Structures are given as C-alpha cells and as structure tokens.
Amino acid sequence: MIITTTDGIDGRRITSYLGIVAGEAIMGTNIFRDFFAGIRDIVGGRSGSYEKELREAKKLAMEAMAEEATALGAHAIVAVDLDYATIGGSEKTMLMVVVNGTAVTLA
C-alpha cells in the first residue's frame, strides 16, 4: 500500500477515489512515565518514553487506515493527515493519534 501526504503519486494516474479512510490509536500512559516526563519538563531534554508511545500509536493508526483502504480495494492512500492530541486530566493522560486520507486506485 502506497501511503503519501501528497495529493498524487509521481508517474501513476489515479483512476478512482474510493473515499476517506481513517485510523485511530489511543495509548495510555502511566504514573511513573508521567512523573519522569514532569522532571524532564523542569530540567529540559526529550522524553524518550513518550516519544516511543507516540511512534507506536502512529504505527497502529497507520496500519488501521491501511487495512480499511485494503478492504475497499485501494492501491494507495493520498492526502494523508496526521493529528496528535492528549486526552484526560492530571491523573490519567492518554495519547491519541488520528490519521486519515483518501483511498484511491491507480493505473
């Protein structure tokens, strides 16, 4: 499955638009990760544990979107958009990744 943020694929002609496809992933965090991320906020630096969770959530969301496109008979997904958000309050934060695009067939 070709997945791209552009509205077309070089050297290929889109023959049909099958509709919007999407994938979502929501990952829970834990109190220890939140605690150490808070320390990183104070002293500076990157939070490797959150970055790892975001990468995993992105991978899962992309896989879900590709599965939906495959079920429609698509060869590719164009105009892909990724959105990130957090859900929850101070006690329980969850990371959310939503990805969507247009499933297409190619010549």
N, C-alpha and C. Protein backbone atom coordinates (compact mmCIF):
# COMPACT_ATOMS: atom_id res chain seq x y z
N MET A 1 0.85 -1.18 0.00
CA MET A 1 0.00 0.00 0.00
C MET A 1 0.89 1.24 0.00
N ILE A 2 0.71 2.10 -1.00
CA ILE A 2 1.44 3.37 -1.05
C ILE A 2 0.66 4.36 -0.18
N ILE A 3 1.37 5.00 0.74
CA ILE A 3 0.75 5.99 1.62
C ILE A 3 1.57 7.26 1.52
N THR A 4 0.90 8.37 1.18
CA THR A 4 1.62 9.63 0.99
C THR A 4 0.79 10.83 1.45
N THR A 5 1.49 11.89 1.84
CA THR A 5 0.81 13.12 2.23
C THR A 5 0.49 13.99 1.02
N THR A 6 1.04 13.65 -0.14
CA THR A 6 0.78 14.44 -1.35
C THR A 6 -0.57 14.04 -1.94
N ASP A 7 -1.06 14.85 -2.89
CA ASP A 7 -2.37 14.56 -3.47
C ASP A 7 -2.30 13.68 -4.71
N GLY A 8 -1.12 13.21 -5.04
CA GLY A 8 -0.94 12.31 -6.17
C GLY A 8 0.34 11.51 -6.00
N ILE A 9 0.58 10.62 -6.95
CA ILE A 9 1.77 9.78 -6.91
C ILE A 9 2.49 9.93 -8.24
N ASP A 10 3.73 10.41 -8.18
CA ASP A 10 4.50 10.64 -9.40
C ASP A 10 4.54 9.39 -10.28
N GLY A 11 4.24 9.59 -11.56
CA GLY A 11 4.31 8.50 -12.52
C GLY A 11 3.10 7.58 -12.51
N ARG A 12 2.15 7.83 -11.66
CA ARG A 12 0.94 6.99 -11.59
C ARG A 12 -0.29 7.87 -11.75
N ARG A 13 -1.31 7.31 -12.38
CA ARG A 13 -2.56 8.04 -12.57
C ARG A 13 -3.62 7.46 -11.64
N ILE A 14 -4.29 8.33 -10.92
CA ILE A 14 -5.39 7.90 -10.05
C ILE A 14 -6.59 7.62 -10.95
N THR A 15 -7.14 6.40 -10.84
CA THR A 15 -8.28 6.02 -11.68
C THR A 15 -9.61 6.14 -10.95
N SER A 16 -9.58 6.01 -9.63
CA SER A 16 -10.83 6.22 -8.88
C SER A 16 -10.53 6.59 -7.43
N TYR A 17 -11.43 7.37 -6.90
CA TYR A 17 -11.37 7.78 -5.49
C TYR A 17 -12.40 6.95 -4.74
N LEU A 18 -11.95 6.20 -3.76
CA LEU A 18 -12.83 5.26 -3.06
C LEU A 18 -13.41 5.82 -1.77
N GLY A 19 -12.90 6.95 -1.33
CA GLY A 19 -13.43 7.58 -0.13
C GLY A 19 -12.37 7.80 0.94
N ILE A 20 -12.79 8.46 1.99
CA ILE A 20 -11.90 8.77 3.10
C ILE A 20 -11.74 7.54 3.97
N VAL A 21 -10.50 7.27 4.35
CA VAL A 21 -10.21 6.18 5.28
C VAL A 21 -9.48 6.79 6.48
N ALA A 22 -9.61 6.14 7.63
CA ALA A 22 -9.02 6.70 8.85
C ALA A 22 -8.54 5.59 9.77
N GLY A 23 -7.66 5.96 10.65
CA GLY A 23 -7.19 5.06 11.69
C GLY A 23 -6.97 5.87 12.95
N GLU A 24 -7.25 5.27 14.08
CA GLU A 24 -7.06 5.94 15.35
C GLU A 24 -6.32 5.02 16.30
N ALA A 25 -5.54 5.60 17.18
CA ALA A 25 -4.89 4.84 18.24
C ALA A 25 -4.82 5.73 19.47
N ILE A 26 -5.23 5.18 20.59
CA ILE A 26 -5.17 5.88 21.87
C ILE A 26 -4.34 5.03 22.81
N MET A 27 -3.27 5.61 23.30
CA MET A 27 -2.34 4.88 24.16
C MET A 27 -2.37 5.49 25.55
N GLY A 28 -2.52 4.64 26.56
CA GLY A 28 -2.48 5.10 27.93
C GLY A 28 -1.05 5.31 28.39
N THR A 29 -0.88 6.22 29.30
CA THR A 29 0.43 6.42 29.93
C THR A 29 0.30 5.95 31.36
N ASN A 30 1.41 5.93 32.06
CA ASN A 30 1.31 5.52 33.46
C ASN A 30 1.92 6.57 34.38
N ILE A 31 1.67 6.42 35.65
CA ILE A 31 2.09 7.43 36.63
C ILE A 31 3.60 7.62 36.65
N PHE A 32 4.38 6.55 36.48
CA PHE A 32 5.84 6.68 36.50
C PHE A 32 6.34 7.45 35.29
N ARG A 33 5.79 7.14 34.13
CA ARG A 33 6.17 7.85 32.91
C ARG A 33 5.81 9.32 33.04
N ASP A 34 4.61 9.61 33.56
CA ASP A 34 4.19 10.99 33.75
C ASP A 34 5.12 11.72 34.73
N PHE A 35 5.51 11.03 35.79
CA PHE A 35 6.39 11.62 36.80
C PHE A 35 7.74 11.99 36.18
N PHE A 36 8.35 11.06 35.45
CA PHE A 36 9.65 11.33 34.86
C PHE A 36 9.56 12.35 33.71
N ALA A 37 8.44 12.37 33.00
CA ALA A 37 8.25 13.38 31.97
C ALA A 37 8.15 14.76 32.62
N GLY A 38 7.51 14.82 33.78
CA GLY A 38 7.43 16.08 34.52
C GLY A 38 8.80 16.58 34.94
N ILE A 39 9.66 15.68 35.34
CA ILE A 39 11.03 16.05 35.69
C ILE A 39 11.74 16.58 34.46
N ARG A 40 11.56 15.92 33.31
CA ARG A 40 12.17 16.38 32.06
C ARG A 40 11.69 17.79 31.72
N ASP A 41 10.41 18.08 32.04
CA ASP A 41 9.88 19.42 31.81
C ASP A 41 10.67 20.46 32.58
N ILE A 42 11.04 20.11 33.79
CA ILE A 42 11.75 21.05 34.66
C ILE A 42 13.21 21.21 34.24
N VAL A 43 13.90 20.10 34.01
CA VAL A 43 15.34 20.14 33.71
C VAL A 43 15.65 20.22 32.22
N GLY A 44 14.68 19.99 31.39
CA GLY A 44 14.88 20.03 29.95
C GLY A 44 15.24 18.67 29.39
N GLY A 45 15.20 18.56 28.09
CA GLY A 45 15.53 17.29 27.43
C GLY A 45 14.32 16.63 26.84
N ARG A 46 14.56 15.54 26.15
CA ARG A 46 13.50 14.80 25.47
C ARG A 46 12.96 13.71 26.38
N SER A 47 11.70 13.39 26.19
CA SER A 47 11.07 12.30 26.93
C SER A 47 10.98 11.08 26.02
N GLY A 48 11.99 10.21 26.13
CA GLY A 48 12.06 9.03 25.28
C GLY A 48 10.86 8.12 25.41
N SER A 49 10.31 8.00 26.63
CA SER A 49 9.17 7.09 26.82
C SER A 49 7.93 7.60 26.10
N TYR A 50 7.69 8.92 26.14
CA TYR A 50 6.55 9.47 25.41
C TYR A 50 6.78 9.38 23.90
N GLU A 51 8.00 9.63 23.46
CA GLU A 51 8.29 9.53 22.03
C GLU A 51 8.05 8.11 21.53
N LYS A 52 8.44 7.13 22.32
CA LYS A 52 8.21 5.73 21.95
C LYS A 52 6.71 5.44 21.85
N GLU A 53 5.93 5.92 22.80
CA GLU A 53 4.48 5.71 22.76
C GLU A 53 3.86 6.38 21.55
N LEU A 54 4.31 7.60 21.23
CA LEU A 54 3.77 8.29 20.06
C LEU A 54 4.10 7.55 18.77
N ARG A 55 5.32 7.03 18.65
CA ARG A 55 5.69 6.25 17.45
C ARG A 55 4.82 5.01 17.32
N GLU A 56 4.58 4.33 18.44
CA GLU A 56 3.74 3.12 18.41
C GLU A 56 2.30 3.48 18.04
N ALA A 57 1.77 4.56 18.61
CA ALA A 57 0.41 4.98 18.30
C ALA A 57 0.29 5.35 16.82
N LYS A 58 1.29 6.05 16.28
CA LYS A 58 1.28 6.40 14.85
C LYS A 58 1.28 5.15 14.00
N LYS A 59 2.13 4.18 14.34
CA LYS A 59 2.21 2.92 13.58
C LYS A 59 0.86 2.20 13.59
N LEU A 60 0.23 2.11 14.75
CA LEU A 60 -1.06 1.42 14.86
C LEU A 60 -2.15 2.14 14.08
N ALA A 61 -2.17 3.47 14.15
CA ALA A 61 -3.18 4.24 13.42
C ALA A 61 -2.99 4.09 11.91
N MET A 62 -1.74 4.12 11.44
CA MET A 62 -1.46 3.95 10.01
C MET A 62 -1.86 2.56 9.54
N GLU A 63 -1.57 1.55 10.35
CA GLU A 63 -1.96 0.17 9.99
C GLU A 63 -3.48 0.04 9.89
N ALA A 64 -4.21 0.65 10.82
CA ALA A 64 -5.67 0.59 10.79
C ALA A 64 -6.21 1.27 9.54
N MET A 65 -5.64 2.41 9.19
CA MET A 65 -6.08 3.12 7.98
C MET A 65 -5.79 2.29 6.74
N ALA A 66 -4.61 1.68 6.67
CA ALA A 66 -4.24 0.85 5.51
C ALA A 66 -5.17 -0.36 5.39
N GLU A 67 -5.54 -0.96 6.51
CA GLU A 67 -6.47 -2.10 6.49
C GLU A 67 -7.83 -1.68 5.91
N GLU A 68 -8.30 -0.50 6.31
CA GLU A 68 -9.58 -0.01 5.80
C GLU A 68 -9.49 0.23 4.29
N ALA A 69 -8.38 0.81 3.84
CA ALA A 69 -8.19 1.07 2.41
C ALA A 69 -8.09 -0.24 1.62
N THR A 70 -7.39 -1.22 2.17
CA THR A 70 -7.27 -2.52 1.52
C THR A 70 -8.64 -3.17 1.35
N ALA A 71 -9.47 -3.07 2.36
CA ALA A 71 -10.82 -3.64 2.29
C ALA A 71 -11.66 -2.99 1.19
N LEU A 72 -11.34 -1.75 0.85
CA LEU A 72 -12.05 -1.06 -0.24
C LEU A 72 -11.47 -1.38 -1.61
N GLY A 73 -10.33 -2.07 -1.64
CA GLY A 73 -9.68 -2.40 -2.90
C GLY A 73 -8.71 -1.33 -3.38
N ALA A 74 -8.24 -0.49 -2.48
CA ALA A 74 -7.34 0.62 -2.84
C ALA A 74 -5.92 0.12 -3.11
N HIS A 75 -5.24 0.86 -3.97
CA HIS A 75 -3.82 0.62 -4.22
C HIS A 75 -2.96 1.60 -3.42
N ALA A 76 -3.57 2.73 -3.03
CA ALA A 76 -2.82 3.78 -2.35
C ALA A 76 -3.75 4.63 -1.50
N ILE A 77 -3.12 5.41 -0.61
CA ILE A 77 -3.85 6.41 0.18
C ILE A 77 -3.10 7.72 -0.03
N VAL A 78 -3.81 8.74 -0.51
CA VAL A 78 -3.19 10.04 -0.77
C VAL A 78 -3.76 11.09 0.19
N ALA A 79 -3.09 12.23 0.24
CA ALA A 79 -3.51 13.37 1.07
C ALA A 79 -3.64 12.98 2.54
N VAL A 80 -2.70 12.20 3.04
CA VAL A 80 -2.74 11.72 4.42
C VAL A 80 -2.43 12.86 5.38
N ASP A 81 -3.20 12.93 6.47
CA ASP A 81 -3.02 13.93 7.51
C ASP A 81 -2.93 13.22 8.85
N LEU A 82 -1.95 13.59 9.65
CA LEU A 82 -1.77 13.03 10.99
C LEU A 82 -2.09 14.10 12.02
N ASP A 83 -2.85 13.74 13.04
CA ASP A 83 -3.16 14.65 14.14
C ASP A 83 -2.83 13.97 15.45
N TYR A 84 -2.28 14.73 16.38
CA TYR A 84 -1.91 14.23 17.70
C TYR A 84 -2.65 15.04 18.75
N ALA A 85 -3.05 14.36 19.85
CA ALA A 85 -3.72 15.06 20.95
C ALA A 85 -3.52 14.28 22.23
N THR A 86 -3.81 14.92 23.34
CA THR A 86 -3.84 14.23 24.62
C THR A 86 -5.27 14.27 25.14
N ILE A 87 -5.62 13.21 25.86
CA ILE A 87 -6.96 13.09 26.42
C ILE A 87 -6.79 12.84 27.91
N GLY A 88 -7.63 13.42 28.71
CA GLY A 88 -7.60 13.15 30.14
C GLY A 88 -7.07 14.32 30.93
N GLY A 89 -7.06 14.11 32.22
CA GLY A 89 -6.61 15.15 33.14
C GLY A 89 -5.28 14.82 33.75
N SER A 90 -5.03 15.42 34.89
CA SER A 90 -3.72 15.26 35.52
C SER A 90 -3.50 13.86 36.08
N GLU A 91 -4.57 13.14 36.43
CA GLU A 91 -4.40 11.79 36.99
C GLU A 91 -4.09 10.75 35.91
N LYS A 92 -4.71 10.88 34.76
CA LYS A 92 -4.55 9.87 33.70
C LYS A 92 -4.54 10.56 32.35
N THR A 93 -3.38 10.59 31.72
CA THR A 93 -3.25 11.18 30.40
C THR A 93 -3.14 10.08 29.37
N MET A 94 -3.83 10.26 28.26
CA MET A 94 -3.76 9.30 27.16
C MET A 94 -3.34 10.07 25.91
N LEU A 95 -2.52 9.41 25.10
CA LEU A 95 -2.03 9.99 23.86
C LEU A 95 -2.88 9.47 22.71
N MET A 96 -3.31 10.36 21.83
CA MET A 96 -4.17 9.95 20.72
C MET A 96 -3.53 10.37 19.39
N VAL A 97 -3.55 9.45 18.44
CA VAL A 97 -3.11 9.75 17.08
C VAL A 97 -4.27 9.40 16.15
N VAL A 98 -4.63 10.34 15.30
CA VAL A 98 -5.66 10.11 14.29
C VAL A 98 -5.03 10.40 12.94
N VAL A 99 -5.20 9.47 12.02
CA VAL A 99 -4.66 9.63 10.67
C VAL A 99 -5.79 9.38 9.67
N ASN A 100 -5.85 10.22 8.62
CA ASN A 100 -6.88 9.99 7.60
C ASN A 100 -6.32 10.40 6.24
N GLY A 101 -6.93 9.87 5.22
CA GLY A 101 -6.53 10.16 3.85
C GLY A 101 -7.59 9.66 2.89
N THR A 102 -7.30 9.75 1.61
CA THR A 102 -8.24 9.31 0.58
C THR A 102 -7.72 8.03 -0.08
N ALA A 103 -8.52 6.99 -0.02
CA ALA A 103 -8.17 5.72 -0.66
C ALA A 103 -8.43 5.84 -2.15
N VAL A 104 -7.44 5.39 -2.97
CA VAL A 104 -7.55 5.51 -4.42
C VAL A 104 -7.08 4.22 -5.10
N THR A 105 -7.51 4.05 -6.35
CA THR A 105 -6.93 3.01 -7.20
C THR A 105 -6.05 3.70 -8.22
N LEU A 106 -5.05 2.97 -8.70
CA LEU A 106 -4.07 3.53 -9.62
C LEU A 106 -4.03 2.76 -10.93
N ALA A 107 -3.66 3.47 -12.00
CA ALA A 107 -3.48 2.82 -13.29
C ALA A 107 -2.09 2.20 -13.34
